Amino acid sequence: MRRKRPPEKLYGTKQIAELLKIPDWRVKNFSEGGTYGLPPSQTVGTGRGSRRLYREHDVCRIAIANALVTVGFSPEAVGRAIREIPESMLIELFLDPVADDVLSEAELEESKHFLVCSAGEWRLKKGGHVKDLVEEQMQNPEVKEGLFILNLASVLFGLVDSLRESLTKGGLTNR
């Protein structure tokens, strides 16, 4: 059974930086750097003093972009990776990090989403397919292509944990 969606909240640049524990300039780079493809959902005002406002799915994308930048991917690679993730999936993972239904361990593993880069190509894969890719890579060590796997749930669960922590400490600053 799906939970009713609460009213959508908007986040400012400083709030996102606090949530993700990253500098403000990095959030600005993600939104202003066209290569990343992460513009804010809304901009209030123009010029100095204008505000960038982000919806929950934007915050999720920035969290994923930050994880990729942290491990060394270029802005171009991050932009290609982010474009592979549908907004609907981000919202579903963000709103419902712990499913109401009881799943077996195998079903839970199969339902997880991973962002996979193989030979420079990004794809969204489910758990069972990722296991097959890893096994194939292990069986063919002569293959020169790299394989990178990002567990999206772990990145987004970290974001949800930060949100919960900020709520218990009195919320995010309004700057």
Protein backbone atom coordinates (compact mmCIF):
# COMPACT_ATOMS: atom_id res chain seq x y z
CA MET A 1 0.00 0.00 0.00
CA ARG A 2 1.44 3.34 -1.06
CA ARG A 3 1.60 6.26 1.34
CA LYS A 4 -0.21 9.44 0.41
CA ARG A 5 2.21 11.93 -1.05
CA PRO A 6 2.79 14.92 1.27
CA PRO A 7 2.78 18.45 -0.14
CA GLU A 8 5.92 19.11 -2.14
CA LYS A 9 8.66 21.00 -0.33
CA LEU A 10 11.16 23.31 -2.02
CA TYR A 11 14.79 23.53 -0.90
CA GLY A 12 17.26 26.38 -1.32
CA THR A 13 20.94 26.04 -2.20
CA LYS A 14 22.14 26.33 1.41
CA GLN A 15 19.58 23.78 2.61
CA ILE A 16 20.77 21.24 0.05
CA ALA A 17 24.39 21.92 0.99
CA GLU A 18 23.50 21.28 4.66
CA LEU A 19 21.61 18.09 3.86
CA LEU A 20 24.37 16.64 1.70
CA LYS A 21 27.18 18.06 3.87
CA ILE A 22 28.82 19.70 0.85
CA PRO A 23 29.86 23.31 0.18
CA ASP A 24 27.32 25.75 -1.31
CA TRP A 25 29.54 26.30 -4.34
CA ARG A 26 29.24 22.64 -5.31
CA VAL A 27 25.42 22.85 -5.38
CA LYS A 28 25.74 26.02 -7.50
CA ASN A 29 28.17 24.24 -9.85
CA PHE A 30 25.69 21.41 -10.33
CA SER A 31 22.86 23.84 -11.15
CA GLU A 32 24.79 26.38 -13.21
CA GLY A 33 27.10 23.99 -15.04
CA GLY A 34 25.13 23.01 -18.11
CA THR A 35 27.21 19.86 -18.44
CA TYR A 36 25.64 18.37 -15.31
CA GLY A 37 22.10 19.06 -16.49
CA LEU A 38 20.82 19.84 -12.98
CA PRO A 39 19.04 23.22 -13.13
CA PRO A 40 16.78 24.25 -10.24
CA SER A 41 13.04 23.66 -10.62
CA GLN A 42 12.38 27.33 -9.95
CA THR A 43 14.33 30.55 -9.82
CA VAL A 44 12.87 33.44 -7.85
CA GLY A 45 14.11 36.85 -8.93
CA THR A 46 16.96 37.74 -11.24
CA GLY A 47 20.58 38.72 -10.77
CA ARG A 48 22.26 39.05 -7.40
CA GLY A 49 19.94 37.95 -4.61
CA SER A 50 17.87 35.61 -6.78
CA ARG A 51 17.06 32.25 -5.26
CA ARG A 52 17.32 28.77 -6.75
CA LEU A 53 14.62 26.43 -5.50
CA TYR A 54 14.77 22.68 -5.88
CA ARG A 55 12.11 19.98 -5.62
CA GLU A 56 12.73 16.63 -3.93
CA HIS A 57 13.66 14.90 -7.19
CA ASP A 58 16.22 17.67 -7.85
CA VAL A 59 17.76 17.09 -4.41
CA CYS A 60 17.96 13.35 -5.17
CA ARG A 61 19.72 14.01 -8.48
CA ILE A 62 22.19 16.37 -6.79
CA ALA A 63 22.92 13.72 -4.12
CA ILE A 64 23.64 11.17 -6.85
CA ALA A 65 25.75 13.67 -8.82
CA ASN A 66 27.75 14.44 -5.69
CA ALA A 67 28.40 10.72 -5.09
CA LEU A 68 29.69 10.38 -8.67
CA VAL A 69 31.86 13.51 -8.50
CA THR A 70 33.29 12.36 -5.17
CA VAL A 71 34.61 9.15 -6.76
CA GLY A 72 36.12 11.06 -9.68
CA PHE A 73 33.65 11.14 -12.59
CA SER A 74 33.80 14.14 -14.93
CA PRO A 75 30.89 16.60 -15.26
CA GLU A 76 30.09 15.10 -18.69
CA ALA A 77 29.93 11.55 -17.30
CA VAL A 78 27.82 12.71 -14.35
CA GLY A 79 25.40 14.48 -16.71
CA ARG A 80 25.01 11.34 -18.84
CA ALA A 81 24.45 9.22 -15.72
CA ILE A 82 21.83 11.55 -14.26
CA ARG A 83 19.86 11.59 -17.53
CA GLU A 84 19.43 7.80 -17.25
CA ILE A 85 17.36 8.06 -14.05
CA PRO A 86 13.63 8.70 -14.48
CA GLU A 87 12.08 11.25 -12.11
CA SER A 88 9.34 8.80 -11.12
CA MET A 89 11.89 6.32 -9.79
CA LEU A 90 13.64 8.99 -7.72
CA ILE A 91 10.40 10.12 -6.14
CA GLU A 92 9.40 6.53 -5.36
CA LEU A 93 12.74 5.73 -3.71
CA PHE A 94 12.82 9.04 -1.84
CA LEU A 95 9.27 8.80 -0.48
CA ASP A 96 9.27 5.12 0.37
CA PRO A 97 12.77 4.01 1.41
CA VAL A 98 11.35 1.09 3.39
CA ALA A 99 8.66 -0.80 1.52
CA ASP A 100 5.41 -1.57 3.38
CA ASP A 101 5.28 -5.01 1.80
CA VAL A 102 7.35 -7.82 3.24
CA LEU A 103 9.69 -9.11 0.56
CA SER A 104 11.99 -12.09 0.64
CA GLU A 105 15.71 -11.29 0.59
CA ALA A 106 15.93 -12.39 -3.06
CA GLU A 107 12.94 -10.20 -4.05
CA LEU A 108 14.41 -7.24 -2.17
CA GLU A 109 17.77 -7.67 -3.92
CA GLU A 110 16.07 -7.95 -7.34
CA SER A 111 14.04 -4.77 -6.75
CA LYS A 112 17.04 -2.57 -5.93
CA HIS A 113 18.10 -0.05 -8.55
CA PHE A 114 21.72 0.49 -9.53
CA LEU A 115 23.36 3.00 -11.81
CA VAL A 116 25.94 1.08 -13.84
CA CYS A 117 28.72 2.37 -16.06
CA SER A 118 30.33 -0.14 -18.38
CA ALA A 119 32.68 0.96 -21.16
CA GLY A 120 31.59 4.59 -20.64
CA GLU A 121 27.88 3.83 -21.11
CA TRP A 122 25.46 4.47 -18.23
CA ARG A 123 22.40 2.29 -17.65
CA LEU A 124 19.89 1.83 -14.87
CA LYS A 125 19.79 -1.82 -13.79
CA LYS A 126 18.00 -3.92 -11.22
CA GLY A 127 19.79 -6.13 -8.70
CA GLY A 128 19.65 -9.45 -10.57
CA HIS A 129 21.07 -7.92 -13.74
CA VAL A 130 23.92 -6.30 -11.83
CA LYS A 131 24.86 -9.63 -10.30
CA ASP A 132 25.04 -11.10 -13.82
CA LEU A 133 27.28 -8.22 -15.01
CA VAL A 134 29.66 -8.69 -12.10
CA GLU A 135 29.85 -12.44 -12.65
CA GLU A 136 30.51 -11.90 -16.36
CA GLN A 137 33.27 -9.39 -15.56
CA MET A 138 34.85 -11.81 -13.07
CA GLN A 139 34.76 -14.71 -15.55
CA ASN A 140 36.38 -12.65 -18.30
CA PRO A 141 39.34 -10.86 -16.66
CA GLU A 142 40.85 -10.11 -20.07
CA VAL A 143 38.04 -7.63 -20.75
CA LYS A 144 39.59 -4.17 -20.54
CA GLU A 145 36.31 -2.32 -19.87
CA GLY A 146 35.76 -1.01 -16.37
CA LEU A 147 32.58 -1.60 -14.41
CA PHE A 148 31.23 0.97 -11.94
CA ILE A 149 28.12 0.29 -9.87
CA LEU A 150 26.30 2.83 -7.68
CA ASN A 151 23.56 1.58 -5.37
CA LEU A 152 20.96 4.35 -5.70
CA ALA A 153 19.08 3.28 -2.59
CA SER A 154 22.17 3.73 -0.41
CA VAL A 155 22.71 7.28 -1.72
CA LEU A 156 19.06 8.20 -1.24
CA PHE A 157 18.80 6.50 2.16
CA GLY A 158 21.71 8.72 3.24
CA LEU A 159 19.72 11.75 2.07
CA VAL A 160 16.61 10.58 3.97
CA ASP A 161 18.75 10.06 7.09
CA SER A 162 20.09 13.63 6.77
CA LEU A 163 16.53 14.94 6.44
CA ARG A 164 15.42 13.06 9.55
CA GLU A 165 18.46 14.29 11.47
CA SER A 166 17.81 17.90 10.47
CA LEU A 167 14.16 17.63 11.54
CA THR A 168 15.10 16.32 14.99
CA LYS A 169 17.64 19.15 15.40
CA GLY A 170 15.10 21.83 14.54
CA GLY A 171 15.12 21.83 10.77
CA LEU A 172 17.23 23.34 8.04
CA THR A 173 18.26 26.96 7.95
CA ASN A 174 16.20 29.23 5.75
CA ARG A 175 18.95 31.01 3.84
